[in-house]
Protein backbone atom coordinates (compact mmCIF):
# COMPACT_ATOMS: atom_id res chain seq x y z
CA UNK A 1 83.96 -58.76 154.04
CA UNK A 2 86.69 -59.27 156.50
CA UNK A 3 89.70 -58.94 154.11
CA UNK A 4 88.17 -55.42 154.46
CA UNK A 5 88.18 -55.24 158.39
CA UNK A 6 89.28 -52.42 159.75
CA UNK A 7 91.43 -54.00 162.69
CA UNK A 8 92.89 -56.56 160.18
CA UNK A 9 94.06 -53.35 157.91
CA UNK A 10 95.41 -51.35 160.96
CA UNK A 11 97.46 -54.17 162.29
CA UNK A 12 98.71 -55.27 159.01
CA UNK A 13 99.34 -52.35 156.59
CA UNK A 14 99.09 -48.96 159.02
CA UNK A 15 102.88 -49.94 160.48
CA UNK A 16 105.06 -50.41 157.00
CA UNK A 17 102.30 -47.20 155.28
CA UNK A 18 103.64 -45.16 158.28
CA UNK A 19 107.23 -45.94 157.47
CA UNK A 20 106.36 -45.72 153.95
CA UNK A 21 104.80 -42.14 154.10
CA UNK A 22 107.46 -39.72 153.39
CA UNK A 23 108.37 -41.43 150.05
CA UNK A 24 104.89 -42.49 148.51
CA UNK A 25 103.59 -40.32 145.77
CA UNK A 26 100.98 -42.03 143.80
CA UNK A 27 99.41 -38.74 142.43
CA UNK A 28 102.87 -38.38 140.40
CA UNK A 29 102.12 -41.81 138.65
CA UNK A 30 101.13 -39.99 135.24
CA UNK A 31 104.43 -37.74 135.23
CA UNK A 32 106.88 -40.55 135.61
CA UNK A 33 105.73 -42.11 132.31
CA UNK A 34 108.21 -40.82 129.83
CA UNK A 35 111.44 -42.23 131.05
CA UNK A 36 109.66 -45.40 131.15
CA UNK A 37 111.09 -48.64 130.12
CA UNK A 38 108.72 -50.79 127.45
CA UNK A 39 105.84 -52.48 129.24
CA UNK A 40 106.82 -55.53 129.28
CA UNK A 41 110.02 -55.30 131.41
CA UNK A 42 107.84 -52.17 133.29
CA UNK A 43 105.16 -54.19 134.84
CA UNK A 44 106.67 -57.58 134.71
CA UNK A 45 106.78 -57.64 138.33
CA UNK A 46 103.03 -57.55 138.57
CA UNK A 47 102.92 -61.22 137.23
CA UNK A 48 104.64 -62.41 140.62
CA UNK A 49 101.60 -61.04 142.41
CA UNK A 50 99.63 -64.51 141.06
CA UNK A 51 96.38 -66.08 141.72
CA UNK A 52 92.85 -65.48 140.40
CA UNK A 53 91.93 -65.11 136.35
CA UNK A 54 89.83 -62.46 134.33
CA UNK A 55 87.74 -64.41 131.43
CA UNK A 56 86.65 -63.39 128.13
CA UNK A 57 83.95 -65.04 126.20
CA UNK A 58 83.11 -63.07 122.90
CA UNK A 59 80.21 -63.71 120.69
CA UNK A 60 80.58 -62.55 117.22
CA UNK A 61 77.49 -63.27 116.17
CA UNK A 62 75.51 -60.97 118.80
CA UNK A 63 78.19 -58.74 119.05
CA UNK A 64 78.47 -59.42 123.20
CA UNK A 65 81.66 -59.91 125.09
CA UNK A 66 81.47 -60.55 129.10
CA UNK A 67 84.36 -60.37 131.42
CA UNK A 68 84.08 -61.91 134.51
CA UNK A 69 86.79 -61.41 137.48
CA UNK A 70 87.25 -64.79 138.17
CA UNK A 71 88.82 -65.18 141.87
CA UNK A 72 85.75 -66.40 144.13
CA UNK A 73 88.23 -67.74 147.01
CA UNK A 74 89.47 -63.91 147.42
CA UNK A 75 86.12 -62.64 146.65
CA UNK A 76 87.48 -61.39 143.30
CA UNK A 77 90.16 -59.48 144.42
CA UNK A 78 92.72 -58.29 141.80
CA UNK A 79 96.00 -59.72 141.84
CA UNK A 80 98.97 -58.55 139.62
CA UNK A 81 98.20 -61.23 137.49
CA UNK A 82 94.85 -60.16 137.11
CA UNK A 83 95.90 -57.02 135.70
CA UNK A 84 98.21 -57.63 133.43
CA UNK A 85 95.05 -60.10 132.09
CA UNK A 86 92.59 -57.36 132.09
CA UNK A 87 95.65 -55.17 129.77
CA UNK A 88 95.65 -57.70 127.50
CA UNK A 89 91.82 -58.20 127.09
CA UNK A 90 91.34 -54.70 126.69
CA UNK A 91 93.48 -54.62 123.86
CA UNK A 92 91.87 -57.39 122.38
CA UNK A 93 88.69 -55.44 122.37
CA UNK A 94 90.08 -52.82 121.14
CA UNK A 95 90.27 -55.05 117.70
CA UNK A 96 87.00 -56.41 117.90
CA UNK A 97 85.52 -55.40 115.02
CA UNK A 98 82.47 -57.32 115.50
CA UNK A 99 82.35 -55.87 119.13
CA UNK A 100 79.01 -53.83 120.09
CA UNK A 101 78.45 -54.27 123.97
CA UNK A 102 80.47 -55.11 126.79
CA UNK A 103 79.31 -56.86 130.59
CA UNK A 104 81.81 -56.81 133.22
CA UNK A 105 81.09 -59.42 136.09
CA UNK A 106 82.78 -61.02 139.21
CA UNK A 107 82.30 -64.50 139.39
CA UNK A 108 79.77 -65.45 142.38
CA UNK A 109 78.49 -63.50 145.08
CA UNK A 110 81.26 -60.73 144.60
CA UNK A 111 81.31 -57.93 142.60
CA UNK A 112 85.33 -57.00 143.45
CA UNK A 113 86.79 -55.71 146.58
CA UNK A 114 89.72 -53.97 144.90
CA UNK A 115 92.96 -55.05 144.63
CA UNK A 116 94.54 -58.28 146.86
CA UNK A 117 95.39 -57.12 150.16
CA UNK A 118 98.20 -59.71 149.97
CA UNK A 119 99.85 -58.28 146.91
CA UNK A 120 98.83 -54.52 148.47
CA UNK A 121 101.14 -55.27 151.69
CA UNK A 122 103.98 -56.67 149.61
CA UNK A 123 104.37 -54.01 147.07
CA UNK A 124 104.03 -50.60 149.81
CA UNK A 125 106.80 -49.30 148.26
CA UNK A 126 106.59 -46.02 146.11
CA UNK A 127 107.82 -47.18 142.63
CA UNK A 128 105.96 -49.93 142.71
CA UNK A 129 102.87 -47.95 143.63
CA UNK A 130 103.50 -45.65 140.69
CA UNK A 131 103.74 -48.22 138.51
CA UNK A 132 100.33 -50.12 139.13
CA UNK A 133 98.47 -46.64 139.53
CA UNK A 134 100.11 -46.11 135.91
CA UNK A 135 99.31 -49.35 134.82
CA UNK A 136 95.42 -49.58 136.23
CA UNK A 137 95.02 -46.03 135.17
CA UNK A 138 95.77 -46.49 131.61
CA UNK A 139 94.04 -49.83 131.70
CA UNK A 140 90.75 -48.60 132.84
CA UNK A 141 90.78 -45.16 130.65
CA UNK A 142 90.99 -47.91 127.67
CA UNK A 143 88.39 -50.02 129.14
CA UNK A 144 86.07 -46.65 129.16
CA UNK A 145 87.17 -45.71 125.76
CA UNK A 146 86.05 -48.76 124.24
CA UNK A 147 83.72 -48.54 120.88
CA UNK A 148 81.46 -51.03 122.77
CA UNK A 149 78.51 -50.08 125.19
CA UNK A 150 79.90 -51.29 128.21
CA UNK A 151 77.81 -52.25 131.52
CA UNK A 152 79.11 -53.12 135.18
CA UNK A 153 76.65 -55.78 136.29
CA UNK A 154 77.28 -55.75 140.04
CA UNK A 155 76.03 -58.76 142.05
CA UNK A 156 77.57 -57.84 145.63
CA UNK A 157 79.82 -55.66 146.66
CA UNK A 158 82.45 -53.41 144.80
CA UNK A 159 84.53 -52.11 147.40
CA UNK A 160 87.58 -49.66 146.56
CA UNK A 161 89.40 -50.48 143.45
CA UNK A 162 86.20 -52.46 142.30
CA UNK A 163 84.09 -49.59 142.94
CA UNK A 164 86.82 -47.46 140.97
CA UNK A 165 86.26 -50.69 137.96
CA UNK A 166 82.77 -49.83 137.88
CA UNK A 167 82.67 -46.38 137.19
CA UNK A 168 85.00 -47.56 133.97
CA UNK A 169 82.08 -48.35 132.28
CA UNK A 170 79.53 -46.89 130.43
CA UNK A 171 76.43 -48.23 132.47
CA UNK A 172 75.95 -49.89 135.77
CA UNK A 173 73.15 -52.10 137.02
CA UNK A 174 72.90 -53.83 140.70
CA UNK A 175 70.96 -56.73 141.99
CA UNK A 176 69.36 -56.42 145.36
CA UNK A 177 72.56 -57.65 147.49
CA UNK A 178 74.82 -55.10 145.96
CA UNK A 179 76.55 -52.15 147.14
CA UNK A 180 79.23 -49.70 146.24
CA UNK A 181 82.05 -48.41 148.43
CA UNK A 182 84.53 -45.87 147.71
CA UNK A 183 86.84 -46.63 150.84
CA UNK A 184 90.41 -45.31 149.69
CA UNK A 185 90.33 -42.64 152.49
CA UNK A 186 89.62 -45.17 155.17
CA UNK A 187 92.64 -46.69 154.21
CA UNK A 188 94.82 -43.70 154.19
CA UNK A 189 94.97 -43.38 150.67
CA UNK A 190 92.65 -41.64 147.57
CA UNK A 191 91.30 -44.02 143.93
CA UNK A 192 94.36 -44.56 142.38
CA UNK A 193 93.08 -46.31 139.20
CA UNK A 194 90.99 -43.27 137.63
CA UNK A 195 87.71 -43.93 139.48
CA UNK A 196 87.92 -40.47 141.69
CA UNK A 197 87.91 -38.38 138.20
CA UNK A 198 85.23 -40.73 136.73
CA UNK A 199 83.12 -40.39 139.92
CA UNK A 200 83.13 -36.74 140.08
CA UNK A 201 81.82 -36.86 135.77
CA UNK A 202 79.03 -38.89 136.52
CA UNK A 203 77.63 -38.00 140.16
CA UNK A 204 79.06 -34.45 140.52
CA UNK A 205 81.37 -32.48 142.79
CA UNK A 206 79.45 -32.37 146.14
CA UNK A 207 78.18 -35.78 145.64
CA UNK A 208 81.98 -37.43 144.82
CA UNK A 209 83.29 -35.30 147.65
CA UNK A 210 80.48 -37.03 150.10
CA UNK A 211 81.56 -40.42 148.70
CA UNK A 212 84.72 -40.57 148.46
CA UNK A 213 85.47 -38.71 151.94
CA UNK A 214 83.12 -40.76 154.35
CA UNK A 215 83.28 -44.19 152.35
CA UNK A 216 79.78 -45.23 153.19
CA UNK A 217 77.63 -47.94 151.91
CA UNK A 218 76.13 -47.27 148.66
CA UNK A 219 72.93 -49.24 148.03
CA UNK A 220 71.15 -49.65 144.95
CA UNK A 221 68.16 -47.59 145.18
CA UNK A 222 70.25 -44.41 146.11
CA UNK A 223 72.75 -45.69 143.39
CA UNK A 224 70.05 -45.77 140.94
CA UNK A 225 68.71 -42.04 142.60
CA UNK A 226 72.18 -40.04 142.28
CA UNK A 227 72.83 -41.80 138.33
CA UNK A 228 75.51 -43.94 139.48
CA UNK A 229 73.32 -46.53 138.87
CA UNK A 230 70.84 -47.10 135.75
CA UNK A 231 68.40 -50.54 136.82
CA UNK A 232 68.05 -52.76 139.64
CA UNK A 233 68.36 -56.13 138.74
CA UNK A 234 65.09 -58.07 140.06
CA UNK A 235 65.65 -60.45 142.58
CA UNK A 236 65.93 -64.23 141.08
CA UNK A 237 66.88 -63.17 137.90
CA UNK A 238 70.06 -64.55 136.27
CA UNK A 239 72.68 -61.45 136.03
CA UNK A 240 74.15 -61.94 132.63
CA UNK A 241 70.76 -63.11 131.06
CA UNK A 242 69.06 -60.26 132.63
CA UNK A 243 71.70 -57.36 131.88
CA UNK A 244 72.23 -58.65 128.36
CA UNK A 245 68.27 -58.02 128.15
CA UNK A 246 68.29 -54.86 129.43
CA UNK A 247 71.60 -54.08 127.17
CA UNK A 248 69.54 -54.60 124.15
CA UNK A 249 67.68 -51.06 124.34
CA UNK A 250 70.78 -50.02 122.84
CA UNK A 251 72.36 -52.56 120.67
CA UNK A 252 69.75 -52.98 118.07
CA UNK A 253 71.11 -51.26 115.56
CA UNK A 254 74.21 -52.45 113.07
CA UNK A 255 77.54 -52.80 114.67
CA UNK A 256 78.98 -49.78 112.83
CA UNK A 257 76.22 -47.34 114.27
CA UNK A 258 76.55 -48.25 118.00
CA UNK A 259 80.32 -47.78 117.70
CA UNK A 260 80.20 -44.63 115.87
CA UNK A 261 77.77 -43.52 118.50
CA UNK A 262 79.96 -44.35 121.53
CA UNK A 263 82.59 -42.82 119.89
CA UNK A 264 80.91 -39.80 119.46
CA UNK A 265 80.15 -39.97 123.19
CA UNK A 266 83.64 -40.33 124.18
CA UNK A 267 85.16 -37.48 121.96
CA UNK A 268 82.25 -35.29 123.38
CA UNK A 269 83.40 -35.68 126.99
CA UNK A 270 87.23 -36.03 126.59
CA UNK A 271 88.18 -33.85 123.65
CA UNK A 272 88.28 -29.87 123.27
CA UNK A 273 85.01 -28.69 121.81
CA UNK A 274 86.66 -27.88 118.12
CA UNK A 275 87.97 -31.39 118.05
CA UNK A 276 85.10 -33.18 119.56
CA UNK A 277 83.16 -31.75 116.74
CA UNK A 278 85.67 -32.92 114.15
CA UNK A 279 85.61 -36.45 115.27
CA UNK A 280 81.30 -36.52 115.01
CA UNK A 281 81.93 -35.42 111.62
CA UNK A 282 84.41 -38.28 110.81
CA UNK A 283 81.85 -40.58 112.63
CA UNK A 284 79.25 -39.00 110.31
CA UNK A 285 80.76 -39.88 107.11
CA UNK A 286 81.82 -42.97 107.76
CA UNK A 287 77.82 -43.94 108.15
CA UNK A 288 76.19 -41.98 106.13
CA UNK A 289 74.86 -43.91 102.93
CA UNK A 290 75.73 -47.02 104.65
CA UNK A 291 73.34 -50.59 104.88
CA UNK A 292 72.01 -48.93 108.28
CA UNK A 293 70.96 -45.51 106.54
CA UNK A 294 69.75 -46.49 103.22
CA UNK A 295 67.43 -49.42 104.89
CA UNK A 296 66.17 -46.95 107.75
CA UNK A 297 65.52 -43.96 104.86
CA UNK A 298 63.76 -46.78 102.37
CA UNK A 299 61.46 -47.68 105.10
CA UNK A 300 60.81 -44.03 105.87
CA UNK A 301 60.01 -43.83 102.31
CA UNK A 302 57.86 -46.53 102.10
CA UNK A 303 55.65 -45.50 105.14
CA UNK A 304 54.79 -42.34 103.71
CA UNK A 305 53.50 -43.14 100.51
């Protein structure tokens, strides 16, 4: 991972970061949104950081979508252009009524090393930092809330922003050569895409503090042990094929039921108790007496005769 070599970081970024230190306040990104211009104007500058692509395939028959970070020459580092594409894809998936599940992957032998360092070097401005933070916060939060059961299929390194991205899915599966590193503190920052909060909720306060402060490597075995990953993909298996098979335990049911279950869980983790209970009741009413419910009741009655 030469792009993350500490000597390169020091030579390229530290002098400019030092000059900007007094004016960089990424933690204020959410509070500055109220007076912002329309999104198509506010974030248009991201398109100037080109390169790479985010690809999406959707299968209406199975309800499975596959999102691929496609920038293998940069180990799938995320450019501004890719950020905008990711935002558009998340909006598209919000409207996909046949969807059940989503696999997020990187092309080739890397998941994602975070934001492209060429872009980072050219945007060490507090205003642009706030806007990128705000955009990726919102995009990954919306990804996390999609009514689809999502899994990050991690094959190779997931570093920095890439580690944050994989926390925005419901599950994570890893190959033997995969690893996860939250290196932000080693670069003089903290997670800027919402990954710190999501990691804390996934593994707890103490483990999150350990992982975020040290920036150490999390191998697949440890990831499974601490609840950050759910499964290690056997060596030699095709990553997408193996992940698709693993997902079937959650997606065998009818589309409306799979989506309702996900909506209940999102409400339960994000809303106050009374609002979450109301949302759960709403989802219950939506599927009560539906095709899946009637079929299950009839099958149960038949077995009892």
